Amino acid sequence: MRNDLLFDFTVDKESKTVFINREFNAPIDLVWDAFTKKEILDQWWAPKPWASVTKAMNFEVGGRRFYAMVSPEGEEHYSIQKYTAINPKTNFKMLNAFADPQENPQLPGSNWDLNFSEEEGITKLSVTIYNDSLERMEKMIEMGFKEGFSMTLNSLDDLFEQLSKQP
């Protein structure tokens, strides 16, 4: 893993928004696939030792991903992501909300805007997360979102490194 890659995490309480900028030493096609294909998402979309288990996914406008974060003891916490816009290889937007096991969202949620760009083999991911309420954003931060998402993105780095070593 390269230590000189950009990672910036900013919380703006006034606008109820979190801004994340992160670079990966991987081509844009691979980074895009890592965010849009369940078989890859489930390899990294959870802070260790938790695991991500996708129950259903349909990556298209109007589609959704329903998944559980599963603890080593088997405890499950559910979330649903509803895709609202997709521009292949450059951007997608989604509503993200906690959910119950029957896929009922626990609102309010947050709107995610993910942008991808590549320069000289380095892919930059810019994520803007707008929260419908300040309380939800503060709860997310109190639950350790920054630390957990940082660990999760580091797991993605590790996955890219493993893939780069395969013939």
Protein backbone atom coordinates (compact mmCIF):
# COMPACT_ATOMS: atom_id res chain seq x y z
CA MET A 1 0.00 0.00 0.00
CA ARG A 2 1.33 3.45 -0.90
CA ASN A 3 1.36 5.91 1.96
CA ASP A 4 1.48 9.00 -0.26
CA LEU A 5 -2.08 8.60 -1.56
CA LEU A 6 -4.65 11.25 -0.67
CA PHE A 7 -7.07 10.64 2.17
CA ASP A 8 -9.14 13.54 3.41
CA PHE A 9 -12.20 13.28 5.67
CA THR A 10 -14.10 16.47 6.52
CA VAL A 11 -17.28 16.91 8.56
CA ASP A 12 -19.34 20.07 8.00
CA LYS A 13 -22.05 20.13 10.68
CA GLU A 14 -23.58 23.35 9.35
CA SER A 15 -24.43 21.72 6.01
CA LYS A 16 -24.93 18.23 7.58
CA THR A 17 -22.39 16.91 5.08
CA VAL A 18 -19.34 14.65 5.18
CA PHE A 19 -16.71 15.00 2.44
CA ILE A 20 -14.26 12.18 1.73
CA ASN A 21 -11.48 12.26 -0.86
CA ARG A 22 -9.42 9.11 -1.29
CA GLU A 23 -6.92 7.91 -3.88
CA PHE A 24 -6.26 4.28 -4.83
CA ASN A 25 -3.31 2.79 -6.64
CA ALA A 26 -5.65 0.99 -9.04
CA PRO A 27 -7.28 1.65 -12.41
CA ILE A 28 -10.68 3.30 -12.46
CA ASP A 29 -12.37 0.20 -13.92
CA LEU A 30 -11.31 -1.86 -10.92
CA VAL A 31 -12.27 0.82 -8.37
CA TRP A 32 -15.68 1.26 -10.06
CA ASP A 33 -16.28 -2.50 -10.00
CA ALA A 34 -15.30 -2.64 -6.32
CA PHE A 35 -18.16 -0.25 -5.53
CA THR A 36 -20.75 -1.66 -7.93
CA LYS A 37 -20.41 -5.47 -7.93
CA LYS A 38 -21.64 -7.41 -4.90
CA GLU A 39 -19.02 -10.16 -5.16
CA ILE A 40 -16.29 -7.52 -4.77
CA LEU A 41 -18.17 -5.29 -2.30
CA ASP A 42 -18.58 -8.16 0.14
CA GLN A 43 -14.80 -8.64 0.22
CA TRP A 44 -14.12 -5.20 1.71
CA TRP A 45 -17.28 -3.18 2.64
CA ALA A 46 -16.97 -3.68 6.41
CA PRO A 47 -14.44 -2.73 9.05
CA LYS A 48 -12.63 -5.85 10.21
CA PRO A 49 -13.48 -8.13 11.94
CA TRP A 50 -17.01 -7.48 10.65
CA ALA A 51 -18.11 -8.80 7.25
CA SER A 52 -20.46 -7.45 4.61
CA VAL A 53 -23.09 -9.85 3.26
CA THR A 54 -25.18 -8.64 0.34
CA LYS A 55 -28.70 -10.09 0.49
CA ALA A 56 -29.88 -8.49 -2.78
CA MET A 57 -28.36 -6.10 -5.30
CA ASN A 58 -29.53 -4.57 -8.54
CA PHE A 59 -27.09 -1.84 -9.62
CA GLU A 60 -29.28 0.33 -11.85
CA VAL A 61 -31.21 3.56 -11.41
CA GLY A 62 -34.13 2.64 -9.17
CA GLY A 63 -32.35 -0.52 -8.00
CA ARG A 64 -30.95 -1.24 -4.59
CA ARG A 65 -28.42 -3.08 -2.48
CA PHE A 66 -29.69 -4.64 0.74
CA TYR A 67 -26.93 -5.93 2.95
CA ALA A 68 -25.95 -6.84 6.48
CA MET A 69 -22.86 -5.99 8.46
CA VAL A 70 -22.17 -9.22 10.33
CA SER A 71 -20.08 -9.43 13.50
CA PRO A 72 -17.79 -12.40 14.19
CA GLU A 73 -20.50 -13.58 16.67
CA GLY A 74 -23.19 -13.46 13.95
CA GLU A 75 -24.88 -10.20 15.02
CA GLU A 76 -26.39 -8.48 11.95
CA HIS A 77 -27.03 -4.77 11.26
CA TYR A 78 -28.88 -4.04 8.03
CA SER A 79 -28.69 -1.20 5.53
CA ILE A 80 -30.27 -0.43 2.21
CA GLN A 81 -28.81 1.63 -0.62
CA LYS A 82 -31.22 2.87 -3.31
CA TYR A 83 -29.50 3.98 -6.52
CA THR A 84 -30.82 7.30 -7.81
CA ALA A 85 -28.34 8.13 -10.62
CA ILE A 86 -25.58 6.26 -12.46
CA ASN A 87 -23.03 7.57 -14.96
CA PRO A 88 -20.81 4.53 -15.67
CA LYS A 89 -17.22 4.75 -14.47
CA THR A 90 -17.58 8.37 -13.28
CA ASN A 91 -20.44 8.81 -10.78
CA PHE A 92 -23.32 7.25 -8.96
CA LYS A 93 -25.70 8.51 -6.32
CA MET A 94 -27.65 6.63 -3.72
CA LEU A 95 -29.85 7.02 -0.69
CA ASN A 96 -28.31 5.09 2.20
CA ALA A 97 -30.33 4.15 5.29
CA PHE A 98 -30.22 1.71 8.14
CA ALA A 99 -32.91 -0.95 7.78
CA ASP A 100 -34.59 -3.84 9.54
CA PRO A 101 -34.25 -7.47 8.37
CA GLN A 102 -37.34 -7.03 6.13
CA GLU A 103 -35.68 -4.16 4.19
CA ASN A 104 -37.75 -1.42 5.80
CA PRO A 105 -35.54 1.69 5.90
CA GLN A 106 -35.09 3.56 9.15
CA LEU A 107 -35.34 7.15 8.02
CA PRO A 108 -33.87 9.67 7.90
CA GLY A 109 -31.06 8.45 5.72
CA SER A 110 -28.21 10.07 3.88
CA ASN A 111 -27.62 10.88 0.21
CA TRP A 112 -24.28 9.72 -1.15
CA ASP A 113 -22.68 11.18 -4.27
CA LEU A 114 -19.64 9.15 -5.40
CA ASN A 115 -17.34 10.52 -8.10
CA PHE A 116 -14.48 8.61 -9.74
CA SER A 117 -11.59 9.96 -11.82
CA GLU A 118 -8.22 8.58 -12.88
CA GLU A 119 -4.87 10.16 -13.58
CA GLU A 120 -1.71 8.20 -14.37
CA GLY A 121 -3.09 4.95 -12.92
CA ILE A 122 -4.24 6.53 -9.66
CA THR A 123 -8.00 6.62 -9.15
CA LYS A 124 -9.50 9.38 -7.03
CA LEU A 125 -12.77 8.79 -5.25
CA SER A 126 -14.69 11.81 -3.97
CA VAL A 127 -17.67 11.06 -1.76
CA THR A 128 -20.16 13.64 -0.53
CA ILE A 129 -22.60 12.38 2.11
CA TYR A 130 -25.50 14.72 2.82
CA ASN A 131 -27.56 13.82 5.88
CA ASP A 132 -31.24 14.61 6.13
CA SER A 133 -30.80 15.51 9.79
CA LEU A 134 -28.00 16.75 11.99
CA GLU A 135 -28.99 14.13 14.58
CA ARG A 136 -28.44 11.32 12.07
CA MET A 137 -25.06 12.70 11.05
CA GLU A 138 -23.97 13.09 14.67
CA LYS A 139 -25.14 9.53 15.43
CA MET A 140 -23.17 8.26 12.42
CA ILE A 141 -20.03 10.08 13.64
CA GLU A 142 -20.54 8.90 17.25
CA MET A 143 -20.84 5.31 16.00
CA GLY A 144 -17.32 5.64 14.63
CA PHE A 145 -18.09 6.23 10.95
CA LYS A 146 -14.76 7.95 10.23
CA GLU A 147 -12.72 5.18 11.83
CA GLY A 148 -14.87 2.40 10.39
CA PHE A 149 -14.97 3.82 6.86
CA SER A 150 -11.22 4.47 6.99
CA MET A 151 -10.64 0.83 7.95
CA THR A 152 -13.01 -0.26 5.19
CA LEU A 153 -11.18 1.78 2.54
CA ASN A 154 -7.88 0.34 3.81
CA SER A 155 -9.36 -3.13 3.27
CA LEU A 156 -10.10 -2.08 -0.30
CA ASP A 157 -6.45 -1.02 -0.66
CA ASP A 158 -5.41 -4.46 0.60
CA LEU A 159 -7.72 -6.14 -1.91
CA PHE A 160 -6.24 -4.09 -4.77
CA GLU A 161 -2.75 -5.05 -3.62
CA GLN A 162 -3.69 -8.76 -3.56
CA LEU A 163 -5.22 -8.50 -7.03
CA SER A 164 -2.13 -6.76 -8.40
CA LYS A 165 0.00 -9.74 -7.34
CA GLN A 166 -2.15 -12.29 -9.16
CA PRO A 167 -0.92 -13.46 -12.58
